[in-house]
Amino acid sequence: MPHSPEEKKRAITRLRRIRGQAEALETAIDTGASCSQVLQQLAAVRGAVNGLMAEVLEGHLRESFGPTAPPGDADEAIDEVAALVRSYLR
C-alpha cells in the first residue's frame, strides 16, 4: 500500500483516472457505442488497473525485501506475494 503522501497522491490520481474510464465505458455501453469502441475502452481500463497493481506491488516488494524490510521469514513473505500475484492473474 502506498505510504508516503506522494505515493498516496499518485495512487489516488490513478484511481480517479480509472473511475473516469469506467464511467466512460458505462456511457459507451449505455449509448450503444460500437464493439470496437467498447473493447478499446475496456483495454484502457485494464491497462490502468494493471499499472496501479504494478505500482502497489512494487511498493510492497520494496517494503518486504528492501533495505528497510523488517527481519523475518523471507519464505513467508515470498509466499504472500506469490499468492497475491496468482489471485490477480485469475
PDB file of N, CA and C in Angstrom:
ATOM      1  N   MET A   1       0.847  -1.169   0.000  1.00  0.00           N
ATOM      2  CA  MET A   1       0.000   0.000   0.000  1.00  0.00           C
ATOM      3  C   MET A   1       0.896   1.236   0.000  1.00  0.00           C
ATOM      4  N   PRO A   2       0.510   2.254  -0.733  1.00  0.00           N
ATOM      5  CA  PRO A   2       1.304   3.490  -0.728  1.00  0.00           C
ATOM      6  C   PRO A   2       1.324   4.101   0.679  1.00  0.00           C
ATOM      7  N   HIS A   3       2.493   4.517   1.125  1.00  0.00           N
ATOM      8  CA  HIS A   3       2.609   5.051   2.479  1.00  0.00           C
ATOM      9  C   HIS A   3       2.931   6.539   2.509  1.00  0.00           C
ATOM     10  N   SER A   4       3.821   6.976   1.663  1.00  0.00           N
ATOM     11  CA  SER A   4       4.188   8.390   1.708  1.00  0.00           C
ATOM     12  C   SER A   4       3.069   9.226   1.097  1.00  0.00           C
ATOM     13  N   PRO A   5       2.981  10.494   1.476  1.00  0.00           N
ATOM     14  CA  PRO A   5       1.954  11.358   0.887  1.00  0.00           C
ATOM     15  C   PRO A   5       2.049  11.420  -0.642  1.00  0.00           C
ATOM     16  N   GLU A   6       3.260  11.395  -1.169  1.00  0.00           N
ATOM     17  CA  GLU A   6       3.455  11.428  -2.624  1.00  0.00           C
ATOM     18  C   GLU A   6       2.912  10.159  -3.279  1.00  0.00           C
ATOM     19  N   GLU A   7       3.195   9.001  -2.680  1.00  0.00           N
ATOM     20  CA  GLU A   7       2.706   7.729  -3.217  1.00  0.00           C
ATOM     21  C   GLU A   7       1.182   7.644  -3.136  1.00  0.00           C
ATOM     22  N   LYS A   8       0.614   8.111  -2.022  1.00  0.00           N
ATOM     23  CA  LYS A   8      -0.846   8.103  -1.872  1.00  0.00           C
ATOM     24  C   LYS A   8      -1.496   8.998  -2.912  1.00  0.00           C
ATOM     25  N   LYS A   9      -0.921  10.175  -3.105  1.00  0.00           N
ATOM     26  CA  LYS A   9      -1.482  11.110  -4.088  1.00  0.00           C
ATOM     27  C   LYS A   9      -1.439  10.502  -5.486  1.00  0.00           C
ATOM     28  N   ARG A  10      -0.334   9.843  -5.823  1.00  0.00           N
ATOM     29  CA  ARG A  10      -0.190   9.214  -7.131  1.00  0.00           C
ATOM     30  C   ARG A  10      -1.213   8.085  -7.304  1.00  0.00           C
ATOM     31  N   ALA A  11      -1.417   7.283  -6.254  1.00  0.00           N
ATOM     32  CA  ALA A  11      -2.382   6.177  -6.322  1.00  0.00           C
ATOM     33  C   ALA A  11      -3.809   6.714  -6.454  1.00  0.00           C
ATOM     34  N   ILE A  12      -4.132   7.742  -5.713  1.00  0.00           N
ATOM     35  CA  ILE A  12      -5.478   8.319  -5.789  1.00  0.00           C
ATOM     36  C   ILE A  12      -5.717   8.931  -7.161  1.00  0.00           C
ATOM     37  N   THR A  13      -4.708   9.573  -7.735  1.00  0.00           N
ATOM     38  CA  THR A  13      -4.832  10.125  -9.082  1.00  0.00           C
ATOM     39  C   THR A  13      -5.117   9.010 -10.077  1.00  0.00           C
ATOM     40  N   ARG A  14      -4.406   7.897  -9.952  1.00  0.00           N
ATOM     41  CA  ARG A  14      -4.649   6.744 -10.839  1.00  0.00           C
ATOM     42  C   ARG A  14      -6.072   6.214 -10.652  1.00  0.00           C
ATOM     43  N   LEU A  15      -6.512   6.100  -9.399  1.00  0.00           N
ATOM     44  CA  LEU A  15      -7.865   5.603  -9.136  1.00  0.00           C
ATOM     45  C   LEU A  15      -8.928   6.523  -9.724  1.00  0.00           C
ATOM     46  N   ARG A  16      -8.715   7.799  -9.631  1.00  0.00           N
ATOM     47  CA  ARG A  16      -9.679   8.745 -10.224  1.00  0.00           C
ATOM     48  C   ARG A  16      -9.716   8.614 -11.739  1.00  0.00           C
ATOM     49  N   ARG A  17      -8.552   8.366 -12.344  1.00  0.00           N
ATOM     50  CA  ARG A  17      -8.495   8.152 -13.787  1.00  0.00           C
ATOM     51  C   ARG A  17      -9.240   6.868 -14.150  1.00  0.00           C
ATOM     52  N   ILE A  18      -9.047   5.837 -13.356  1.00  0.00           N
ATOM     53  CA  ILE A  18      -9.744   4.567 -13.585  1.00  0.00           C
ATOM     54  C   ILE A  18     -11.248   4.767 -13.444  1.00  0.00           C
ATOM     55  N   ARG A  19     -11.668   5.507 -12.445  1.00  0.00           N
ATOM     56  CA  ARG A  19     -13.098   5.789 -12.261  1.00  0.00           C
ATOM     57  C   ARG A  19     -13.660   6.497 -13.488  1.00  0.00           C
ATOM     58  N   GLY A  20     -12.932   7.482 -13.992  1.00  0.00           N
ATOM     59  CA  GLY A  20     -13.375   8.206 -15.185  1.00  0.00           C
ATOM     60  C   GLY A  20     -13.467   7.285 -16.389  1.00  0.00           C
ATOM     61  N   GLN A  21     -12.507   6.396 -16.514  1.00  0.00           N
ATOM     62  CA  GLN A  21     -12.537   5.445 -17.632  1.00  0.00           C
ATOM     63  C   GLN A  21     -13.707   4.478 -17.497  1.00  0.00           C
ATOM     64  N   ALA A  22     -13.988   4.029 -16.274  1.00  0.00           N
ATOM     65  CA  ALA A  22     -15.119   3.125 -16.053  1.00  0.00           C
ATOM     66  C   ALA A  22     -16.438   3.830 -16.354  1.00  0.00           C
ATOM     67  N   GLU A  23     -16.542   5.089 -15.976  1.00  0.00           N
ATOM     68  CA  GLU A  23     -17.747   5.854 -16.283  1.00  0.00           C
ATOM     69  C   GLU A  23     -17.908   6.052 -17.788  1.00  0.00           C
ATOM     70  N   ALA A  24     -16.812   6.293 -18.488  1.00  0.00           N
ATOM     71  CA  ALA A  24     -16.860   6.428 -19.943  1.00  0.00           C
ATOM     72  C   ALA A  24     -17.268   5.107 -20.585  1.00  0.00           C
ATOM     73  N   LEU A  25     -16.808   4.005 -20.023  1.00  0.00           N
ATOM     74  CA  LEU A  25     -17.188   2.684 -20.524  1.00  0.00           C
ATOM     75  C   LEU A  25     -18.682   2.459 -20.322  1.00  0.00           C
ATOM     76  N   GLU A  26     -19.177   2.808 -19.167  1.00  0.00           N
ATOM     77  CA  GLU A  26     -20.612   2.687 -18.896  1.00  0.00           C
ATOM     78  C   GLU A  26     -21.425   3.510 -19.888  1.00  0.00           C
ATOM     79  N   THR A  27     -20.989   4.729 -20.133  1.00  0.00           N
ATOM     80  CA  THR A  27     -21.685   5.600 -21.087  1.00  0.00           C
ATOM     81  C   THR A  27     -21.638   5.001 -22.491  1.00  0.00           C
ATOM     82  N   ALA A  28     -20.490   4.476 -22.873  1.00  0.00           N
ATOM     83  CA  ALA A  28     -20.353   3.880 -24.198  1.00  0.00           C
ATOM     84  C   ALA A  28     -21.327   2.718 -24.375  1.00  0.00           C
ATOM     85  N   ILE A  29     -21.446   1.886 -23.371  1.00  0.00           N
ATOM     86  CA  ILE A  29     -22.364   0.749 -23.446  1.00  0.00           C
ATOM     87  C   ILE A  29     -23.813   1.244 -23.441  1.00  0.00           C
ATOM     88  N   ASP A  30     -24.097   2.200 -22.578  1.00  0.00           N
ATOM     89  CA  ASP A  30     -25.454   2.730 -22.468  1.00  0.00           C
ATOM     90  C   ASP A  30     -25.928   3.387 -23.764  1.00  0.00           C
ATOM     91  N   THR A  31     -25.009   4.047 -24.456  1.00  0.00           N
ATOM     92  CA  THR A  31     -25.390   4.758 -25.686  1.00  0.00           C
ATOM     93  C   THR A  31     -25.273   3.884 -26.927  1.00  0.00           C
ATOM     94  N   GLY A  32     -24.863   2.647 -26.746  1.00  0.00           N
ATOM     95  CA  GLY A  32     -24.784   1.741 -27.881  1.00  0.00           C
ATOM     96  C   GLY A  32     -23.579   1.967 -28.772  1.00  0.00           C
ATOM     97  N   ALA A  33     -22.467   2.311 -28.172  1.00  0.00           N
ATOM     98  CA  ALA A  33     -21.239   2.515 -28.948  1.00  0.00           C
ATOM     99  C   ALA A  33     -20.867   1.208 -29.640  1.00  0.00           C
ATOM    100  N   SER A  34     -20.050   1.327 -30.650  1.00  0.00           N
ATOM    101  CA  SER A  34     -19.627   0.139 -31.391  1.00  0.00           C
ATOM    102  C   SER A  34     -18.793  -0.773 -30.502  1.00  0.00           C
ATOM    103  N   CYS A  35     -18.773  -2.047 -30.875  1.00  0.00           N
ATOM    104  CA  CYS A  35     -17.986  -3.028 -30.108  1.00  0.00           C
ATOM    105  C   CYS A  35     -16.516  -2.621 -30.047  1.00  0.00           C
ATOM    106  N   SER A  36     -15.992  -2.104 -31.141  1.00  0.00           N
ATOM    107  CA  SER A  36     -14.572  -1.737 -31.141  1.00  0.00           C
ATOM    108  C   SER A  36     -14.304  -0.601 -30.163  1.00  0.00           C
ATOM    109  N   GLN A  37     -15.227   0.346 -30.039  1.00  0.00           N
ATOM    110  CA  GLN A  37     -15.046   1.432 -29.072  1.00  0.00           C
ATOM    111  C   GLN A  37     -15.116   0.902 -27.640  1.00  0.00           C
ATOM    112  N   VAL A  38     -16.054  -0.008 -27.401  1.00  0.00           N
ATOM    113  CA  VAL A  38     -16.187  -0.594 -26.064  1.00  0.00           C
ATOM    114  C   VAL A  38     -14.943  -1.409 -25.722  1.00  0.00           C
ATOM    115  N   LEU A  39     -14.473  -2.205 -26.670  1.00  0.00           N
ATOM    116  CA  LEU A  39     -13.267  -3.006 -26.426  1.00  0.00           C
ATOM    117  C   LEU A  39     -12.046  -2.125 -26.174  1.00  0.00           C
ATOM    118  N   GLN A  40     -11.949  -1.027 -26.900  1.00  0.00           N
ATOM    119  CA  GLN A  40     -10.829  -0.109 -26.695  1.00  0.00           C
ATOM    120  C   GLN A  40     -10.901   0.493 -25.294  1.00  0.00           C
ATOM    121  N   GLN A  41     -12.098   0.855 -24.855  1.00  0.00           N
ATOM    122  CA  GLN A  41     -12.256   1.422 -23.513  1.00  0.00           C
ATOM    123  C   GLN A  41     -11.957   0.369 -22.446  1.00  0.00           C
ATOM    124  N   LEU A  42     -12.392  -0.869 -22.689  1.00  0.00           N
ATOM    125  CA  LEU A  42     -12.071  -1.951 -21.754  1.00  0.00           C
ATOM    126  C   LEU A  42     -10.561  -2.152 -21.632  1.00  0.00           C
ATOM    127  N   ALA A  43      -9.873  -2.105 -22.754  1.00  0.00           N
ATOM    128  CA  ALA A  43      -8.419  -2.250 -22.737  1.00  0.00           C
ATOM    129  C   ALA A  43      -7.768  -1.117 -21.957  1.00  0.00           C
ATOM    130  N   ALA A  44      -8.301   0.091 -22.087  1.00  0.00           N
ATOM    131  CA  ALA A  44      -7.750   1.229 -21.348  1.00  0.00           C
ATOM    132  C   ALA A  44      -7.945   1.054 -19.843  1.00  0.00           C
ATOM    133  N   VAL A  45      -9.127   0.589 -19.449  1.00  0.00           N
ATOM    134  CA  VAL A  45      -9.394   0.350 -18.026  1.00  0.00           C
ATOM    135  C   VAL A  45      -8.465  -0.740 -17.497  1.00  0.00           C
ATOM    136  N   ARG A  46      -8.349  -1.823 -18.257  1.00  0.00           N
ATOM    137  CA  ARG A  46      -7.474  -2.920 -17.832  1.00  0.00           C
ATOM    138  C   ARG A  46      -6.029  -2.432 -17.695  1.00  0.00           C
ATOM    139  N   GLY A  47      -5.563  -1.645 -18.646  1.00  0.00           N
ATOM    140  CA  GLY A  47      -4.207  -1.116 -18.575  1.00  0.00           C
ATOM    141  C   GLY A  47      -4.000  -0.234 -17.356  1.00  0.00           C
ATOM    142  N   ALA A  48      -4.995   0.589 -17.054  1.00  0.00           N
ATOM    143  CA  ALA A  48      -4.886   1.467 -15.893  1.00  0.00           C
ATOM    144  C   ALA A  48      -4.857   0.672 -14.595  1.00  0.00           C
ATOM    145  N   VAL A  49      -5.700  -0.352 -14.496  1.00  0.00           N
ATOM    146  CA  VAL A  49      -5.713  -1.197 -13.298  1.00  0.00           C
ATOM    147  C   VAL A  49      -4.398  -1.968 -13.182  1.00  0.00           C
ATOM    148  N   ASN A  50      -3.901  -2.480 -14.303  1.00  0.00           N
ATOM    149  CA  ASN A  50      -2.618  -3.184 -14.279  1.00  0.00           C
ATOM    150  C   ASN A  50      -1.491  -2.262 -13.821  1.00  0.00           C
ATOM    151  N   GLY A  51      -1.514  -1.023 -14.279  1.00  0.00           N
ATOM    152  CA  GLY A  51      -0.495  -0.061 -13.866  1.00  0.00           C
ATOM    153  C   GLY A  51      -0.542   0.207 -12.371  1.00  0.00           C
ATOM    154  N   LEU A  52      -1.744   0.352 -11.833  1.00  0.00           N
ATOM    155  CA  LEU A  52      -1.895   0.572 -10.397  1.00  0.00           C
ATOM    156  C   LEU A  52      -1.439  -0.665  -9.624  1.00  0.00           C
ATOM    157  N   MET A  53      -1.819  -1.831 -10.097  1.00  0.00           N
ATOM    158  CA  MET A  53      -1.401  -3.088  -9.454  1.00  0.00           C
ATOM    159  C   MET A  53       0.117  -3.184  -9.421  1.00  0.00           C
ATOM    160  N   ALA A  54       0.757  -2.876 -10.536  1.00  0.00           N
ATOM    161  CA  ALA A  54       2.221  -2.950 -10.601  1.00  0.00           C
ATOM    162  C   ALA A  54       2.864  -1.976  -9.624  1.00  0.00           C
ATOM    163  N   GLU A  55       2.320  -0.785  -9.531  1.00  0.00           N
ATOM    164  CA  GLU A  55       2.884   0.219  -8.631  1.00  0.00           C
ATOM    165  C   GLU A  55       2.748  -0.207  -7.173  1.00  0.00           C
ATOM    166  N   VAL A  56       1.569  -0.684  -6.795  1.00  0.00           N
ATOM    167  CA  VAL A  56       1.355  -1.113  -5.413  1.00  0.00           C
ATOM    168  C   VAL A  56       2.182  -2.357  -5.102  1.00  0.00           C
ATOM    169  N   LEU A  57       2.251  -3.285  -6.047  1.00  0.00           N
ATOM    170  CA  LEU A  57       3.050  -4.493  -5.845  1.00  0.00           C
ATOM    171  C   LEU A  57       4.529  -4.154  -5.683  1.00  0.00           C
ATOM    172  N   GLU A  58       5.019  -3.236  -6.505  1.00  0.00           N
ATOM    173  CA  GLU A  58       6.419  -2.833  -6.379  1.00  0.00           C
ATOM    174  C   GLU A  58       6.695  -2.249  -4.999  1.00  0.00           C
ATOM    175  N   GLY A  59       5.795  -1.396  -4.529  1.00  0.00           N
ATOM    176  CA  GLY A  59       5.961  -0.828  -3.193  1.00  0.00           C
ATOM    177  C   GLY A  59       5.971  -1.905  -2.122  1.00  0.00           C
ATOM    178  N   HIS A  60       5.090  -2.880  -2.283  1.00  0.00           N
ATOM    179  CA  HIS A  60       5.025  -3.979  -1.314  1.00  0.00           C
ATOM    180  C   HIS A  60       6.322  -4.795  -1.334  1.00  0.00           C
ATOM    181  N   LEU A  61       6.831  -5.070  -2.524  1.00  0.00           N
ATOM    182  CA  LEU A  61       8.080  -5.832  -2.635  1.00  0.00           C
ATOM    183  C   LEU A  61       9.239  -5.075  -2.005  1.00  0.00           C
ATOM    184  N   ARG A  62       9.318  -3.786  -2.285  1.00  0.00           N
ATOM    185  CA  ARG A  62      10.406  -2.982  -1.707  1.00  0.00           C
ATOM    186  C   ARG A  62      10.302  -2.946  -0.183  1.00  0.00           C
ATOM    187  N   GLU A  63       9.070  -2.857   0.305  1.00  0.00           N
ATOM    188  CA  GLU A  63       8.847  -2.817   1.743  1.00  0.00           C
ATOM    189  C   GLU A  63       9.182  -4.164   2.384  1.00  0.00           C
ATOM    190  N   SER A  64       8.856  -5.253   1.675  1.00  0.00           N
ATOM    191  CA  SER A  64       9.062  -6.591   2.228  1.00  0.00           C
ATOM    192  C   SER A  64      10.500  -7.080   2.115  1.00  0.00           C
ATOM    193  N   PHE A  65      11.208  -6.652   1.041  1.00  0.00           N
ATOM    194  CA  PHE A  65      12.530  -7.219   0.783  1.00  0.00           C
ATOM    195  C   PHE A  65      13.640  -6.180   0.672  1.00  0.00           C
ATOM    196  N   GLY A  66      13.310  -4.916   0.731  1.00  0.00           N
ATOM    197  CA  GLY A  66      14.312  -3.872   0.575  1.00  0.00           C
ATOM    198  C   GLY A  66      15.160  -3.694   1.822  1.00  0.00           C
ATOM    199  N   PRO A  67      16.039  -2.702   1.778  1.00  0.00           N
ATOM    200  CA  PRO A  67      16.970  -2.498   2.896  1.00  0.00           C
ATOM    201  C   PRO A  67      16.279  -2.134   4.210  1.00  0.00           C
ATOM    202  N   THR A  68      15.062  -1.613   4.148  1.00  0.00           N
ATOM    203  CA  THR A  68      14.353  -1.241   5.378  1.00  0.00           C
ATOM    204  C   THR A  68      13.355  -2.303   5.809  1.00  0.00           C
ATOM    205  N   ALA A  69      13.390  -3.466   5.151  1.00  0.00           N
ATOM    206  CA  ALA A  69      12.450  -4.542   5.478  1.00  0.00           C
ATOM    207  C   ALA A  69      12.706  -5.052   6.886  1.00  0.00           C
ATOM    208  N   PRO A  70      11.633  -5.341   7.595  1.00  0.00           N
ATOM    209  CA  PRO A  70      11.824  -5.894   8.938  1.00  0.00           C
ATOM    210  C   PRO A  70      12.415  -7.292   8.849  1.00  0.00           C
ATOM    211  N   PRO A  71      13.245  -7.646   9.805  1.00  0.00           N
ATOM    212  CA  PRO A  71      13.805  -9.003   9.779  1.00  0.00           C
ATOM    213  C   PRO A  71      12.681 -10.012   9.973  1.00  0.00           C
ATOM    214  N   GLY A  72      12.791 -11.116   9.297  1.00  0.00           N
ATOM    215  CA  GLY A  72      11.749 -12.126   9.435  1.00  0.00           C
ATOM    216  C   GLY A  72      11.929 -13.222   8.429  1.00  0.00           C
ATOM    217  N   ASP A  73      10.880 -13.949   8.253  1.00  0.00           N
ATOM    218  CA  ASP A  73      10.893 -15.113   7.377  1.00  0.00           C
ATOM    219  C   ASP A  73      10.636 -14.680   5.936  1.00  0.00           C
ATOM    220  N   ALA A  74      11.677 -14.689   5.126  1.00  0.00           N
ATOM    221  CA  ALA A  74      11.545 -14.294   3.717  1.00  0.00           C
ATOM    222  C   ALA A  74      10.646 -15.260   2.965  1.00  0.00           C
ATOM    223  N   ASP A  75      10.684 -16.537   3.314  1.00  0.00           N
ATOM    224  CA  ASP A  75       9.840 -17.522   2.629  1.00  0.00           C
ATOM    225  C   ASP A  75       8.363 -17.192   2.804  1.00  0.00           C
ATOM    226  N   GLU A  76       7.996 -16.760   3.986  1.00  0.00           N
ATOM    227  CA  GLU A  76       6.605 -16.389   4.247  1.00  0.00           C
ATOM    228  C   GLU A  76       6.204 -15.175   3.403  1.00  0.00           C
ATOM    229  N   ALA A  77       7.075 -14.193   3.319  1.00  0.00           N
ATOM    230  CA  ALA A  77       6.803 -13.002   2.515  1.00  0.00           C
ATOM    231  C   ALA A  77       6.700 -13.362   1.034  1.00  0.00           C
ATOM    232  N   ILE A  78       7.552 -14.257   0.574  1.00  0.00           N
ATOM    233  CA  ILE A  78       7.507 -14.692  -0.828  1.00  0.00           C
ATOM    234  C   ILE A  78       6.198 -15.428  -1.102  1.00  0.00           C
ATOM    235  N   ASP A  79       5.771 -16.283  -0.185  1.00  0.00           N
ATOM    236  CA  ASP A  79       4.503 -16.995  -0.349  1.00  0.00           C
ATOM    237  C   ASP A  79       3.334 -16.018  -0.441  1.00  0.00           C
ATOM    238  N   GLU A  80       3.387 -14.977   0.377  1.00  0.00           N
ATOM    239  CA  GLU A  80       2.321 -13.977   0.362  1.00  0.00           C
ATOM    240  C   GLU A  80       2.269 -13.266  -0.987  1.00  0.00           C
ATOM    241  N   VAL A  81       3.414 -12.833  -1.479  1.00  0.00           N
ATOM    242  CA  VAL A  81       3.465 -12.135  -2.762  1.00  0.00           C
ATOM    243  C   VAL A  81       3.039 -13.063  -3.894  1.00  0.00           C
ATOM    244  N   ALA A  82       3.485 -14.304  -3.868  1.00  0.00           N
ATOM    245  CA  ALA A  82       3.101 -15.260  -4.905  1.00  0.00           C
ATOM    246  C   ALA A  82       1.595 -15.472  -4.904  1.00  0.00           C
ATOM    247  N   ALA A  83       0.982 -15.564  -3.737  1.00  0.00           N
ATOM    248  CA  ALA A  83      -0.472 -15.730  -3.649  1.00  0.00           C
ATOM    249  C   ALA A  83      -1.195 -14.503  -4.210  1.00  0.00           C
ATOM    250  N   LEU A  84      -0.668 -13.310  -3.922  1.00  0.00           N
ATOM    251  CA  LEU A  84      -1.262 -12.089  -4.461  1.00  0.00           C
ATOM    252  C   LEU A  84      -1.220 -12.081  -5.980  1.00  0.00           C
ATOM    253  N   VAL A  85      -0.076 -12.428  -6.534  1.00  0.00           N
ATOM    254  CA  VAL A  85       0.078 -12.433  -7.986  1.00  0.00           C
ATOM    255  C   VAL A  85      -0.835 -13.486  -8.615  1.00  0.00           C
ATOM    256  N   ARG A  86      -0.885 -14.672  -8.002  1.00  0.00           N
ATOM    257  CA  ARG A  86      -1.765 -15.721  -8.532  1.00  0.00           C
ATOM    258  C   ARG A  86      -3.217 -15.278  -8.533  1.00  0.00           C
ATOM    259  N   SER A  87      -3.660 -14.668  -7.445  1.00  0.00           N
ATOM    260  CA  SER A  87      -5.061 -14.238  -7.372  1.00  0.00           C
ATOM    261  C   SER A  87      -5.344 -13.127  -8.384  1.00  0.00           C
ATOM    262  N   TYR A  88      -4.379 -12.270  -8.622  1.00  0.00           N
ATOM    263  CA  TYR A  88      -4.573 -11.189  -9.599  1.00  0.00           C
ATOM    264  C   TYR A  88      -4.650 -11.736 -11.017  1.00  0.00           C
ATOM    265  N   LEU A  89      -3.894 -12.765 -11.309  1.00  0.00           N
ATOM    266  CA  LEU A  89      -3.835 -13.305 -12.662  1.00  0.00           C
ATOM    267  C   LEU A  89      -5.018 -14.214 -12.998  1.00  0.00           C
ATOM    268  N   ARG A  90      -5.844 -14.519 -12.049  1.00  0.00           N
ATOM    269  CA  ARG A  90      -7.029 -15.366 -12.311  1.00  0.00           C
ATOM    270  C   ARG A  90      -8.039 -14.649 -13.142  1.00  0.00           C
TER     271      ARG A  90
END
